[in-house]
Amino acid sequence: MSSSVRFLPEVVDDLDSARRWYDERSEGLGKAFLGACSDALRRIEQNPDWVAADADHIRSLRLHRFPYVIHYRLDGAKIVVVAIMFGGRDPSAWQERD
């Protein structure tokens, strides 16, 4: 089953900030980060129920190569990505996003 993916506006900032940070460390690393995000989002889109939901109905998938987590929820047939953030970051930084 394939679902449509929607991003909260803040997710664009999340991705841009992380990409810039990785590019400052090594040329091309930001592109690799975005590729890892795309791969994970494709897996989520193909099987959104693959990841268990927490009490607030948020699902969190850790990227393979990078210490980042994609936080999303299901809204009917839509996948709503609420944050893509460093795994060690305080969850309150994104939990108030709607």
N, C-alpha and C. Protein backbone atom coordinates (compact mmCIF):
# COMPACT_ATOMS: atom_id res chain seq x y z
N MET A 1 0.85 -1.18 0.00
CA MET A 1 0.00 0.00 0.00
C MET A 1 0.89 1.24 0.00
N SER A 2 0.61 2.15 -0.87
CA SER A 2 1.38 3.38 -0.95
C SER A 2 0.51 4.55 -0.49
N SER A 3 1.06 5.38 0.36
CA SER A 3 0.33 6.52 0.90
C SER A 3 1.01 7.81 0.47
N SER A 4 0.28 8.91 0.52
CA SER A 4 0.88 10.20 0.20
C SER A 4 1.57 10.76 1.44
N VAL A 5 2.65 11.49 1.21
CA VAL A 5 3.42 12.07 2.31
C VAL A 5 3.26 13.58 2.28
N ARG A 6 2.98 14.15 3.45
CA ARG A 6 2.88 15.59 3.62
C ARG A 6 3.86 15.99 4.71
N PHE A 7 4.52 17.13 4.55
CA PHE A 7 5.50 17.61 5.52
C PHE A 7 4.97 18.87 6.20
N LEU A 8 5.11 18.92 7.51
CA LEU A 8 4.84 20.19 8.18
C LEU A 8 5.89 21.19 7.71
N PRO A 9 5.58 22.48 7.66
CA PRO A 9 6.53 23.48 7.15
C PRO A 9 7.88 23.45 7.87
N GLU A 10 7.89 23.14 9.14
CA GLU A 10 9.14 23.14 9.91
C GLU A 10 10.10 22.05 9.45
N VAL A 11 9.60 21.02 8.81
CA VAL A 11 10.45 19.91 8.37
C VAL A 11 11.43 20.38 7.30
N VAL A 12 11.02 21.31 6.46
CA VAL A 12 11.92 21.87 5.46
C VAL A 12 13.12 22.51 6.14
N ASP A 13 12.87 23.25 7.22
CA ASP A 13 13.96 23.86 7.99
C ASP A 13 14.83 22.80 8.65
N ASP A 14 14.20 21.74 9.17
CA ASP A 14 14.96 20.64 9.77
C ASP A 14 15.95 20.07 8.76
N LEU A 15 15.45 19.77 7.57
CA LEU A 15 16.29 19.16 6.53
C LEU A 15 17.39 20.11 6.06
N ASP A 16 17.04 21.36 5.83
CA ASP A 16 18.01 22.33 5.35
C ASP A 16 19.12 22.54 6.37
N SER A 17 18.76 22.65 7.63
CA SER A 17 19.74 22.85 8.69
C SER A 17 20.70 21.66 8.79
N ALA A 18 20.16 20.45 8.75
CA ALA A 18 21.00 19.25 8.84
C ALA A 18 21.89 19.11 7.60
N ARG A 19 21.34 19.38 6.42
CA ARG A 19 22.13 19.29 5.20
C ARG A 19 23.31 20.26 5.23
N ARG A 20 23.05 21.49 5.65
CA ARG A 20 24.13 22.48 5.75
C ARG A 20 25.19 22.02 6.74
N TRP A 21 24.76 21.51 7.89
CA TRP A 21 25.70 21.06 8.92
C TRP A 21 26.62 19.97 8.36
N TYR A 22 26.02 18.98 7.67
CA TYR A 22 26.83 17.90 7.10
C TYR A 22 27.74 18.39 5.99
N ASP A 23 27.26 19.31 5.15
CA ASP A 23 28.10 19.85 4.08
C ASP A 23 29.29 20.64 4.63
N GLU A 24 29.13 21.28 5.78
CA GLU A 24 30.24 22.00 6.40
C GLU A 24 31.31 21.04 6.89
N ARG A 25 30.92 19.81 7.19
CA ARG A 25 31.88 18.81 7.67
C ARG A 25 32.63 18.16 6.52
N SER A 26 31.91 17.88 5.44
CA SER A 26 32.52 17.20 4.30
C SER A 26 31.66 17.42 3.06
N GLU A 27 32.29 17.86 1.98
CA GLU A 27 31.56 18.12 0.75
C GLU A 27 30.84 16.85 0.29
N GLY A 28 29.57 17.00 -0.02
CA GLY A 28 28.77 15.88 -0.50
C GLY A 28 28.05 15.10 0.60
N LEU A 29 28.44 15.33 1.85
CA LEU A 29 27.81 14.59 2.94
C LEU A 29 26.36 15.02 3.14
N GLY A 30 26.08 16.29 2.89
CA GLY A 30 24.70 16.77 2.98
C GLY A 30 23.81 16.09 1.96
N LYS A 31 24.33 15.88 0.76
CA LYS A 31 23.58 15.18 -0.28
C LYS A 31 23.33 13.73 0.13
N ALA A 32 24.33 13.11 0.74
CA ALA A 32 24.16 11.73 1.23
C ALA A 32 23.09 11.66 2.32
N PHE A 33 23.07 12.68 3.18
CA PHE A 33 22.05 12.75 4.23
C PHE A 33 20.65 12.83 3.61
N LEU A 34 20.48 13.71 2.63
CA LEU A 34 19.18 13.84 1.98
C LEU A 34 18.79 12.55 1.27
N GLY A 35 19.76 11.85 0.71
CA GLY A 35 19.49 10.56 0.09
C GLY A 35 19.00 9.53 1.09
N ALA A 36 19.63 9.51 2.28
CA ALA A 36 19.20 8.59 3.34
C ALA A 36 17.78 8.92 3.79
N CYS A 37 17.45 10.21 3.86
CA CYS A 37 16.09 10.62 4.22
C CYS A 37 15.10 10.15 3.15
N SER A 38 15.45 10.33 1.89
CA SER A 38 14.57 9.91 0.80
C SER A 38 14.33 8.41 0.84
N ASP A 39 15.39 7.64 1.07
CA ASP A 39 15.24 6.18 1.16
C ASP A 39 14.29 5.80 2.29
N ALA A 40 14.49 6.41 3.45
CA ALA A 40 13.63 6.10 4.60
C ALA A 40 12.19 6.51 4.34
N LEU A 41 12.00 7.65 3.70
CA LEU A 41 10.64 8.10 3.40
C LEU A 41 9.95 7.18 2.40
N ARG A 42 10.71 6.63 1.46
CA ARG A 42 10.13 5.65 0.52
C ARG A 42 9.67 4.40 1.26
N ARG A 43 10.48 3.93 2.22
CA ARG A 43 10.10 2.76 3.01
C ARG A 43 8.84 3.05 3.82
N ILE A 44 8.80 4.25 4.41
CA ILE A 44 7.62 4.63 5.19
C ILE A 44 6.39 4.69 4.29
N GLU A 45 6.55 5.28 3.11
CA GLU A 45 5.42 5.43 2.19
C GLU A 45 4.90 4.07 1.73
N GLN A 46 5.79 3.12 1.52
CA GLN A 46 5.38 1.79 1.07
C GLN A 46 4.67 1.00 2.17
N ASN A 47 5.06 1.24 3.42
CA ASN A 47 4.46 0.49 4.52
C ASN A 47 4.45 1.35 5.78
N PRO A 48 3.51 2.31 5.87
CA PRO A 48 3.51 3.26 6.99
C PRO A 48 3.29 2.63 8.36
N ASP A 49 2.65 1.48 8.40
CA ASP A 49 2.40 0.82 9.69
C ASP A 49 3.58 -0.01 10.17
N TRP A 50 4.64 -0.07 9.40
CA TRP A 50 5.83 -0.85 9.73
C TRP A 50 6.42 -0.44 11.08
N VAL A 51 6.36 0.84 11.40
CA VAL A 51 6.90 1.36 12.65
C VAL A 51 5.76 1.51 13.66
N ALA A 52 5.99 1.03 14.86
CA ALA A 52 4.96 1.12 15.90
C ALA A 52 4.74 2.58 16.33
N ALA A 53 3.51 2.89 16.70
CA ALA A 53 3.16 4.23 17.17
C ALA A 53 3.28 4.31 18.69
N ASP A 54 3.63 5.50 19.18
CA ASP A 54 3.67 5.71 20.62
C ASP A 54 2.27 6.12 21.10
N ALA A 55 2.16 6.49 22.35
CA ALA A 55 0.86 6.84 22.94
C ALA A 55 0.22 8.06 22.26
N ASP A 56 1.05 8.92 21.65
CA ASP A 56 0.54 10.10 20.96
C ASP A 56 0.35 9.86 19.46
N HIS A 57 0.45 8.58 19.05
CA HIS A 57 0.27 8.17 17.65
C HIS A 57 1.40 8.62 16.74
N ILE A 58 2.56 8.92 17.32
CA ILE A 58 3.74 9.30 16.55
C ILE A 58 4.60 8.06 16.32
N ARG A 59 5.08 7.92 15.10
CA ARG A 59 5.97 6.82 14.73
C ARG A 59 7.34 7.43 14.46
N SER A 60 8.40 6.75 14.85
CA SER A 60 9.75 7.29 14.73
C SER A 60 10.67 6.27 14.09
N LEU A 61 11.25 6.65 12.96
CA LEU A 61 12.16 5.77 12.23
C LEU A 61 13.54 6.39 12.19
N ARG A 62 14.53 5.67 12.69
CA ARG A 62 15.91 6.12 12.70
C ARG A 62 16.54 5.86 11.34
N LEU A 63 17.30 6.83 10.85
CA LEU A 63 18.02 6.65 9.58
C LEU A 63 19.16 5.66 9.79
N HIS A 64 19.55 4.97 8.72
CA HIS A 64 20.60 3.97 8.83
C HIS A 64 21.99 4.57 9.05
N ARG A 65 22.39 5.51 8.24
CA ARG A 65 23.76 6.02 8.27
C ARG A 65 23.95 7.24 9.16
N PHE A 66 22.89 7.94 9.42
CA PHE A 66 22.97 9.21 10.15
C PHE A 66 22.15 9.11 11.44
N PRO A 67 22.58 9.82 12.49
CA PRO A 67 21.86 9.74 13.78
C PRO A 67 20.63 10.64 13.84
N TYR A 68 19.80 10.53 12.83
CA TYR A 68 18.58 11.33 12.73
C TYR A 68 17.37 10.42 12.75
N VAL A 69 16.24 10.99 13.16
CA VAL A 69 14.99 10.24 13.27
C VAL A 69 13.90 11.00 12.51
N ILE A 70 13.12 10.25 11.74
CA ILE A 70 11.95 10.80 11.08
C ILE A 70 10.75 10.50 11.98
N HIS A 71 10.08 11.55 12.43
CA HIS A 71 8.90 11.41 13.27
C HIS A 71 7.68 11.71 12.40
N TYR A 72 6.72 10.78 12.38
CA TYR A 72 5.55 10.97 11.54
C TYR A 72 4.31 10.37 12.21
N ARG A 73 3.17 10.78 11.67
CA ARG A 73 1.90 10.22 12.14
C ARG A 73 1.04 9.93 10.92
N LEU A 74 0.08 9.06 11.11
CA LEU A 74 -0.84 8.74 10.03
C LEU A 74 -2.12 9.54 10.22
N ASP A 75 -2.59 10.12 9.13
CA ASP A 75 -3.83 10.88 9.14
C ASP A 75 -4.68 10.32 8.00
N GLY A 76 -5.43 9.27 8.31
CA GLY A 76 -6.16 8.56 7.26
C GLY A 76 -5.15 7.87 6.35
N ALA A 77 -5.24 8.15 5.06
CA ALA A 77 -4.31 7.57 4.09
C ALA A 77 -3.05 8.42 3.92
N LYS A 78 -2.97 9.53 4.63
CA LYS A 78 -1.81 10.43 4.51
C LYS A 78 -0.80 10.16 5.60
N ILE A 79 0.47 10.34 5.24
CA ILE A 79 1.57 10.29 6.19
C ILE A 79 1.99 11.73 6.42
N VAL A 80 1.97 12.17 7.67
CA VAL A 80 2.33 13.54 8.00
C VAL A 80 3.67 13.50 8.75
N VAL A 81 4.72 14.00 8.10
CA VAL A 81 6.04 14.06 8.73
C VAL A 81 6.07 15.32 9.59
N VAL A 82 6.26 15.12 10.90
CA VAL A 82 6.22 16.26 11.82
C VAL A 82 7.62 16.77 12.14
N ALA A 83 8.64 15.93 11.98
CA ALA A 83 10.01 16.37 12.27
C ALA A 83 11.02 15.38 11.71
N ILE A 84 12.17 15.89 11.33
CA ILE A 84 13.34 15.07 11.01
C ILE A 84 14.48 15.72 11.78
N MET A 85 14.85 15.08 12.90
CA MET A 85 15.80 15.71 13.82
C MET A 85 16.84 14.75 14.34
N PHE A 86 17.91 15.33 14.82
CA PHE A 86 18.99 14.58 15.46
C PHE A 86 18.39 13.72 16.57
N GLY A 87 18.76 12.46 16.61
CA GLY A 87 18.19 11.52 17.56
C GLY A 87 18.44 11.86 19.02
N GLY A 88 19.50 12.59 19.31
CA GLY A 88 19.80 12.94 20.68
C GLY A 88 19.18 14.24 21.15
N ARG A 89 18.42 14.86 20.28
CA ARG A 89 17.79 16.15 20.62
C ARG A 89 16.60 15.95 21.53
N ASP A 90 16.36 16.91 22.39
CA ASP A 90 15.23 16.88 23.31
C ASP A 90 13.93 16.82 22.50
N PRO A 91 13.10 15.78 22.72
CA PRO A 91 11.87 15.64 21.94
C PRO A 91 10.91 16.81 22.07
N SER A 92 11.01 17.58 23.13
CA SER A 92 10.10 18.72 23.27
C SER A 92 10.33 19.76 22.17
N ALA A 93 11.46 19.66 21.47
CA ALA A 93 11.74 20.59 20.38
C ALA A 93 10.76 20.43 19.22
N TRP A 94 10.15 19.27 19.09
CA TRP A 94 9.21 19.06 17.99
C TRP A 94 7.83 18.59 18.43
N GLN A 95 7.67 18.19 19.66
CA GLN A 95 6.41 17.59 20.09
C GLN A 95 5.22 18.54 20.07
N GLU A 96 5.44 19.82 20.05
CA GLU A 96 4.33 20.77 20.01
C GLU A 96 3.89 21.09 18.59
N ARG A 97 4.58 20.51 17.60
CA ARG A 97 4.20 20.76 16.22
C ARG A 97 2.87 20.09 15.94
N ASP A 98 2.08 20.72 15.14
CA ASP A 98 0.77 20.17 14.81
C ASP A 98 0.80 19.77 13.41
